[in-house]
Amino acid sequence: MALKINRDLCTSCGDCEPVCPTKSIKPFKGTYKIVEDTCTECEGEHDEPQCLKVCLEDGCIEYV
């Protein structure tokens, strides 16, 4: 499973990119995207996805 960033809600703050342990969050057309092939939802690294933890926009990052 992976997470996805809703581009309509993303404010491009960049808070999520540095906290991703798998470097799966990349800049994409003025906002950010999560590379589904490498996103592990932080399993084995943290108790919860770190991008969800730091994102201030409700619903911006969601499960695929």
PDB file of N, CA and C in Angstrom:
ATOM      1  N   MET A   1       0.842  -1.174   0.000  1.00  0.00           N
ATOM      2  CA  MET A   1       0.000   0.000   0.000  1.00  0.00           C
ATOM      3  C   MET A   1       0.890   1.240   0.000  1.00  0.00           C
ATOM      4  N   ALA A   2       0.316   2.354  -0.390  1.00  0.00           N
ATOM      5  CA  ALA A   2       1.075   3.597  -0.443  1.00  0.00           C
ATOM      6  C   ALA A   2       0.153   4.763  -0.114  1.00  0.00           C
ATOM      7  N   LEU A   3       0.756   5.917  -0.034  1.00  0.00           N
ATOM      8  CA  LEU A   3       0.015   7.145   0.217  1.00  0.00           C
ATOM      9  C   LEU A   3       0.057   8.014  -1.033  1.00  0.00           C
ATOM     10  N   LYS A   4      -0.837   8.979  -1.090  1.00  0.00           N
ATOM     11  CA  LYS A   4      -0.908   9.860  -2.245  1.00  0.00           C
ATOM     12  C   LYS A   4      -1.183  11.276  -1.755  1.00  0.00           C
ATOM     13  N   ILE A   5      -0.617  12.254  -2.454  1.00  0.00           N
ATOM     14  CA  ILE A   5      -0.849  13.655  -2.121  1.00  0.00           C
ATOM     15  C   ILE A   5      -1.913  14.209  -3.055  1.00  0.00           C
ATOM     16  N   ASN A   6      -2.928  14.801  -2.473  1.00  0.00           N
ATOM     17  CA  ASN A   6      -3.984  15.443  -3.245  1.00  0.00           C
ATOM     18  C   ASN A   6      -3.458  16.811  -3.668  1.00  0.00           C
ATOM     19  N   ARG A   7      -3.170  16.978  -4.950  1.00  0.00           N
ATOM     20  CA  ARG A   7      -2.561  18.218  -5.445  1.00  0.00           C
ATOM     21  C   ARG A   7      -3.462  19.424  -5.268  1.00  0.00           C
ATOM     22  N   ASP A   8      -4.770  19.210  -5.209  1.00  0.00           N
ATOM     23  CA  ASP A   8      -5.705  20.324  -5.016  1.00  0.00           C
ATOM     24  C   ASP A   8      -5.619  20.888  -3.596  1.00  0.00           C
ATOM     25  N   LEU A   9      -5.174  20.087  -2.658  1.00  0.00           N
ATOM     26  CA  LEU A   9      -5.075  20.522  -1.264  1.00  0.00           C
ATOM     27  C   LEU A   9      -3.646  20.856  -0.830  1.00  0.00           C
ATOM     28  N   CYS A  10      -2.665  20.403  -1.586  1.00  0.00           N
ATOM     29  CA  CYS A  10      -1.258  20.623  -1.233  1.00  0.00           C
ATOM     30  C   CYS A  10      -0.908  22.107  -1.353  1.00  0.00           C
ATOM     31  N   THR A  11      -0.309  22.654  -0.306  1.00  0.00           N
ATOM     32  CA  THR A  11       0.095  24.060  -0.305  1.00  0.00           C
ATOM     33  C   THR A  11       1.566  24.244  -0.694  1.00  0.00           C
ATOM     34  N   SER A  12       2.231  23.145  -1.030  1.00  0.00           N
ATOM     35  CA  SER A  12       3.646  23.161  -1.417  1.00  0.00           C
ATOM     36  C   SER A  12       4.564  23.656  -0.312  1.00  0.00           C
ATOM     37  N   CYS A  13       4.184  23.412   0.929  1.00  0.00           N
ATOM     38  CA  CYS A  13       5.000  23.881   2.056  1.00  0.00           C
ATOM     39  C   CYS A  13       6.323  23.116   2.147  1.00  0.00           C
ATOM     40  N   GLY A  14       6.323  21.848   1.706  1.00  0.00           N
ATOM     41  CA  GLY A  14       7.554  21.065   1.719  1.00  0.00           C
ATOM     42  C   GLY A  14       7.856  20.372   3.032  1.00  0.00           C
ATOM     43  N   ASP A  15       6.972  20.461   4.005  1.00  0.00           N
ATOM     44  CA  ASP A  15       7.231  19.834   5.304  1.00  0.00           C
ATOM     45  C   ASP A  15       7.344  18.314   5.209  1.00  0.00           C
ATOM     46  N   CYS A  16       6.649  17.715   4.270  1.00  0.00           N
ATOM     47  CA  CYS A  16       6.614  16.258   4.164  1.00  0.00           C
ATOM     48  C   CYS A  16       7.886  15.657   3.554  1.00  0.00           C
ATOM     49  N   GLU A  17       8.491  16.362   2.640  1.00  0.00           N
ATOM     50  CA  GLU A  17       9.633  15.801   1.900  1.00  0.00           C
ATOM     51  C   GLU A  17      10.799  15.363   2.793  1.00  0.00           C
ATOM     52  N   PRO A  18      11.287  16.196   3.708  1.00  0.00           N
ATOM     53  CA  PRO A  18      12.457  15.785   4.497  1.00  0.00           C
ATOM     54  C   PRO A  18      12.185  14.704   5.544  1.00  0.00           C
ATOM     55  N   VAL A  19      10.926  14.476   5.907  1.00  0.00           N
ATOM     56  CA  VAL A  19      10.645  13.477   6.949  1.00  0.00           C
ATOM     57  C   VAL A  19      10.421  12.075   6.376  1.00  0.00           C
ATOM     58  N   CYS A  20      10.376  11.941   5.065  1.00  0.00           N
ATOM     59  CA  CYS A  20      10.134  10.634   4.440  1.00  0.00           C
ATOM     60  C   CYS A  20      11.398   9.775   4.497  1.00  0.00           C
ATOM     61  N   PRO A  21      11.355   8.659   5.232  1.00  0.00           N
ATOM     62  CA  PRO A  21      12.561   7.830   5.370  1.00  0.00           C
ATOM     63  C   PRO A  21      12.967   7.120   4.084  1.00  0.00           C
ATOM     64  N   THR A  22      12.043   6.955   3.135  1.00  0.00           N
ATOM     65  CA  THR A  22      12.374   6.277   1.885  1.00  0.00           C
ATOM     66  C   THR A  22      12.590   7.253   0.734  1.00  0.00           C
ATOM     67  N   LYS A  23      12.571   8.556   1.038  1.00  0.00           N
ATOM     68  CA  LYS A  23      12.767   9.603   0.018  1.00  0.00           C
ATOM     69  C   LYS A  23      11.763   9.458  -1.125  1.00  0.00           C
ATOM     70  N   SER A  24      10.537   9.061  -0.775  1.00  0.00           N
ATOM     71  CA  SER A  24       9.496   8.827  -1.782  1.00  0.00           C
ATOM     72  C   SER A  24       8.702  10.075  -2.146  1.00  0.00           C
ATOM     73  N   ILE A  25       8.917  11.177  -1.449  1.00  0.00           N
ATOM     74  CA  ILE A  25       8.190  12.403  -1.733  1.00  0.00           C
ATOM     75  C   ILE A  25       9.077  13.310  -2.576  1.00  0.00           C
ATOM     76  N   LYS A  26       8.537  13.676  -3.751  1.00  0.00           N
ATOM     77  CA  LYS A  26       9.303  14.451  -4.730  1.00  0.00           C
ATOM     78  C   LYS A  26       8.510  15.673  -5.182  1.00  0.00           C
ATOM     79  N   PRO A  27       9.196  16.777  -5.509  1.00  0.00           N
ATOM     80  CA  PRO A  27       8.502  17.914  -6.107  1.00  0.00           C
ATOM     81  C   PRO A  27       7.896  17.482  -7.442  1.00  0.00           C
ATOM     82  N   PHE A  28       6.691  18.000  -7.739  1.00  0.00           N
ATOM     83  CA  PHE A  28       6.007  17.609  -8.964  1.00  0.00           C
ATOM     84  C   PHE A  28       5.037  18.709  -9.392  1.00  0.00           C
ATOM     85  N   LYS A  29       5.352  19.388 -10.465  1.00  0.00           N
ATOM     86  CA  LYS A  29       4.484  20.410 -11.056  1.00  0.00           C
ATOM     87  C   LYS A  29       3.982  21.434 -10.046  1.00  0.00           C
ATOM     88  N   GLY A  30       4.864  21.963  -9.254  1.00  0.00           N
ATOM     89  CA  GLY A  30       4.512  23.015  -8.309  1.00  0.00           C
ATOM     90  C   GLY A  30       4.020  22.534  -6.956  1.00  0.00           C
ATOM     91  N   THR A  31       3.778  21.239  -6.812  1.00  0.00           N
ATOM     92  CA  THR A  31       3.402  20.681  -5.513  1.00  0.00           C
ATOM     93  C   THR A  31       4.328  19.497  -5.250  1.00  0.00           C
ATOM     94  N   TYR A  32       3.807  18.455  -4.639  1.00  0.00           N
ATOM     95  CA  TYR A  32       4.600  17.265  -4.351  1.00  0.00           C
ATOM     96  C   TYR A  32       3.824  16.021  -4.727  1.00  0.00           C
ATOM     97  N   LYS A  33       4.555  14.932  -4.930  1.00  0.00           N
ATOM     98  CA  LYS A  33       3.919  13.641  -5.170  1.00  0.00           C
ATOM     99  C   LYS A  33       4.667  12.577  -4.387  1.00  0.00           C
ATOM    100  N   ILE A  34       3.989  11.459  -4.139  1.00  0.00           N
ATOM    101  CA  ILE A  34       4.596  10.324  -3.455  1.00  0.00           C
ATOM    102  C   ILE A  34       4.789   9.214  -4.479  1.00  0.00           C
ATOM    103  N   VAL A  35       5.995   8.719  -4.586  1.00  0.00           N
ATOM    104  CA  VAL A  35       6.303   7.626  -5.501  1.00  0.00           C
ATOM    105  C   VAL A  35       5.775   6.338  -4.877  1.00  0.00           C
ATOM    106  N   GLU A  36       4.725   5.794  -5.483  1.00  0.00           N
ATOM    107  CA  GLU A  36       4.043   4.629  -4.909  1.00  0.00           C
ATOM    108  C   GLU A  36       4.938   3.395  -4.822  1.00  0.00           C
ATOM    109  N   ASP A  37       5.858   3.251  -5.754  1.00  0.00           N
ATOM    110  CA  ASP A  37       6.721   2.063  -5.784  1.00  0.00           C
ATOM    111  C   ASP A  37       7.662   1.978  -4.584  1.00  0.00           C
ATOM    112  N   THR A  38       7.988   3.119  -3.990  1.00  0.00           N
ATOM    113  CA  THR A  38       8.944   3.109  -2.883  1.00  0.00           C
ATOM    114  C   THR A  38       8.328   3.478  -1.537  1.00  0.00           C
ATOM    115  N   CYS A  39       7.103   3.991  -1.536  1.00  0.00           N
ATOM    116  CA  CYS A  39       6.440   4.361  -0.279  1.00  0.00           C
ATOM    117  C   CYS A  39       6.086   3.104   0.516  1.00  0.00           C
ATOM    118  N   THR A  40       6.511   3.083   1.757  1.00  0.00           N
ATOM    119  CA  THR A  40       6.231   1.946   2.644  1.00  0.00           C
ATOM    120  C   THR A  40       5.284   2.334   3.769  1.00  0.00           C
ATOM    121  N   GLU A  41       4.756   3.574   3.723  1.00  0.00           N
ATOM    122  CA  GLU A  41       3.946   4.127   4.807  1.00  0.00           C
ATOM    123  C   GLU A  41       4.740   4.133   6.114  1.00  0.00           C
ATOM    124  N   CYS A  42       6.052   4.189   5.993  1.00  0.00           N
ATOM    125  CA  CYS A  42       6.993   4.223   7.116  1.00  0.00           C
ATOM    126  C   CYS A  42       6.981   2.938   7.942  1.00  0.00           C
ATOM    127  N   GLU A  43       6.415   1.889   7.389  1.00  0.00           N
ATOM    128  CA  GLU A  43       6.363   0.605   8.093  1.00  0.00           C
ATOM    129  C   GLU A  43       7.780   0.109   8.368  1.00  0.00           C
ATOM    130  N   GLY A  44       8.012  -0.277   9.590  1.00  0.00           N
ATOM    131  CA  GLY A  44       9.339  -0.737   9.990  1.00  0.00           C
ATOM    132  C   GLY A  44      10.259   0.395  10.424  1.00  0.00           C
ATOM    133  N   GLU A  45       9.864   1.632  10.155  1.00  0.00           N
ATOM    134  CA  GLU A  45      10.659   2.803  10.525  1.00  0.00           C
ATOM    135  C   GLU A  45      10.005   3.575  11.671  1.00  0.00           C
ATOM    136  N   HIS A  46       8.681   3.773  11.554  1.00  0.00           N
ATOM    137  CA  HIS A  46       7.931   4.578  12.521  1.00  0.00           C
ATOM    138  C   HIS A  46       6.563   3.943  12.754  1.00  0.00           C
ATOM    139  N   ASP A  47       5.875   4.368  13.805  1.00  0.00           N
ATOM    140  CA  ASP A  47       4.549   3.843  14.125  1.00  0.00           C
ATOM    141  C   ASP A  47       3.461   4.375  13.203  1.00  0.00           C
ATOM    142  N   GLU A  48       3.708   5.510  12.566  1.00  0.00           N
ATOM    143  CA  GLU A  48       2.740   6.112  11.653  1.00  0.00           C
ATOM    144  C   GLU A  48       3.486   6.803  10.520  1.00  0.00           C
ATOM    145  N   PRO A  49       2.833   6.984   9.368  1.00  0.00           N
ATOM    146  CA  PRO A  49       3.490   7.699   8.272  1.00  0.00           C
ATOM    147  C   PRO A  49       3.879   9.111   8.697  1.00  0.00           C
ATOM    148  N   GLN A  50       5.128   9.429   8.519  1.00  0.00           N
ATOM    149  CA  GLN A  50       5.644  10.716   8.973  1.00  0.00           C
ATOM    150  C   GLN A  50       5.087  11.884   8.180  1.00  0.00           C
ATOM    151  N   CYS A  51       4.781  11.671   6.906  1.00  0.00           N
ATOM    152  CA  CYS A  51       4.212  12.754   6.109  1.00  0.00           C
ATOM    153  C   CYS A  51       2.834  13.145   6.639  1.00  0.00           C
ATOM    154  N   LEU A  52       2.048  12.153   7.053  1.00  0.00           N
ATOM    155  CA  LEU A  52       0.733  12.434   7.638  1.00  0.00           C
ATOM    156  C   LEU A  52       0.882  13.188   8.956  1.00  0.00           C
ATOM    157  N   LYS A  53       1.902  12.840   9.683  1.00  0.00           N
ATOM    158  CA  LYS A  53       2.140  13.457  10.994  1.00  0.00           C
ATOM    159  C   LYS A  53       2.457  14.949  10.875  1.00  0.00           C
ATOM    160  N   VAL A  54       3.203  15.339   9.838  1.00  0.00           N
ATOM    161  CA  VAL A  54       3.628  16.734   9.715  1.00  0.00           C
ATOM    162  C   VAL A  54       2.726  17.590   8.830  1.00  0.00           C
ATOM    163  N   CYS A  55       1.896  16.978   8.009  1.00  0.00           N
ATOM    164  CA  CYS A  55       1.049  17.746   7.087  1.00  0.00           C
ATOM    165  C   CYS A  55      -0.049  18.478   7.862  1.00  0.00           C
ATOM    166  N   LEU A  56      -0.161  19.772   7.609  1.00  0.00           N
ATOM    167  CA  LEU A  56      -1.144  20.589   8.313  1.00  0.00           C
ATOM    168  C   LEU A  56      -2.478  20.687   7.582  1.00  0.00           C
ATOM    169  N   GLU A  57      -2.534  20.204   6.338  1.00  0.00           N
ATOM    170  CA  GLU A  57      -3.760  20.279   5.531  1.00  0.00           C
ATOM    171  C   GLU A  57      -4.555  18.981   5.677  1.00  0.00           C
ATOM    172  N   ASP A  58      -5.733  19.058   6.254  1.00  0.00           N
ATOM    173  CA  ASP A  58      -6.583  17.876   6.395  1.00  0.00           C
ATOM    174  C   ASP A  58      -6.933  17.302   5.031  1.00  0.00           C
ATOM    175  N   GLY A  59      -6.729  16.007   4.869  1.00  0.00           N
ATOM    176  CA  GLY A  59      -7.085  15.321   3.639  1.00  0.00           C
ATOM    177  C   GLY A  59      -6.084  15.464   2.506  1.00  0.00           C
ATOM    178  N   CYS A  60      -5.012  16.180   2.723  1.00  0.00           N
ATOM    179  CA  CYS A  60      -4.023  16.380   1.664  1.00  0.00           C
ATOM    180  C   CYS A  60      -3.297  15.077   1.315  1.00  0.00           C
ATOM    181  N   ILE A  61      -2.940  14.321   2.334  1.00  0.00           N
ATOM    182  CA  ILE A  61      -2.266  13.043   2.109  1.00  0.00           C
ATOM    183  C   ILE A  61      -3.232  11.943   2.486  1.00  0.00           C
ATOM    184  N   GLU A  62      -3.457  11.023   1.551  1.00  0.00           N
ATOM    185  CA  GLU A  62      -4.444   9.978   1.762  1.00  0.00           C
ATOM    186  C   GLU A  62      -3.917   8.624   1.319  1.00  0.00           C
ATOM    187  N   TYR A  63      -4.553   7.579   1.820  1.00  0.00           N
ATOM    188  CA  TYR A  63      -4.176   6.211   1.439  1.00  0.00           C
ATOM    189  C   TYR A  63      -4.720   5.918   0.048  1.00  0.00           C
ATOM    190  N   VAL A  64      -3.919   5.211  -0.745  1.00  0.00           N
ATOM    191  CA  VAL A  64      -4.330   4.812  -2.093  1.00  0.00           C
ATOM    192  C   VAL A  64      -5.185   3.578  -1.997  1.00  0.00           C
TER     193      VAL A  64
END
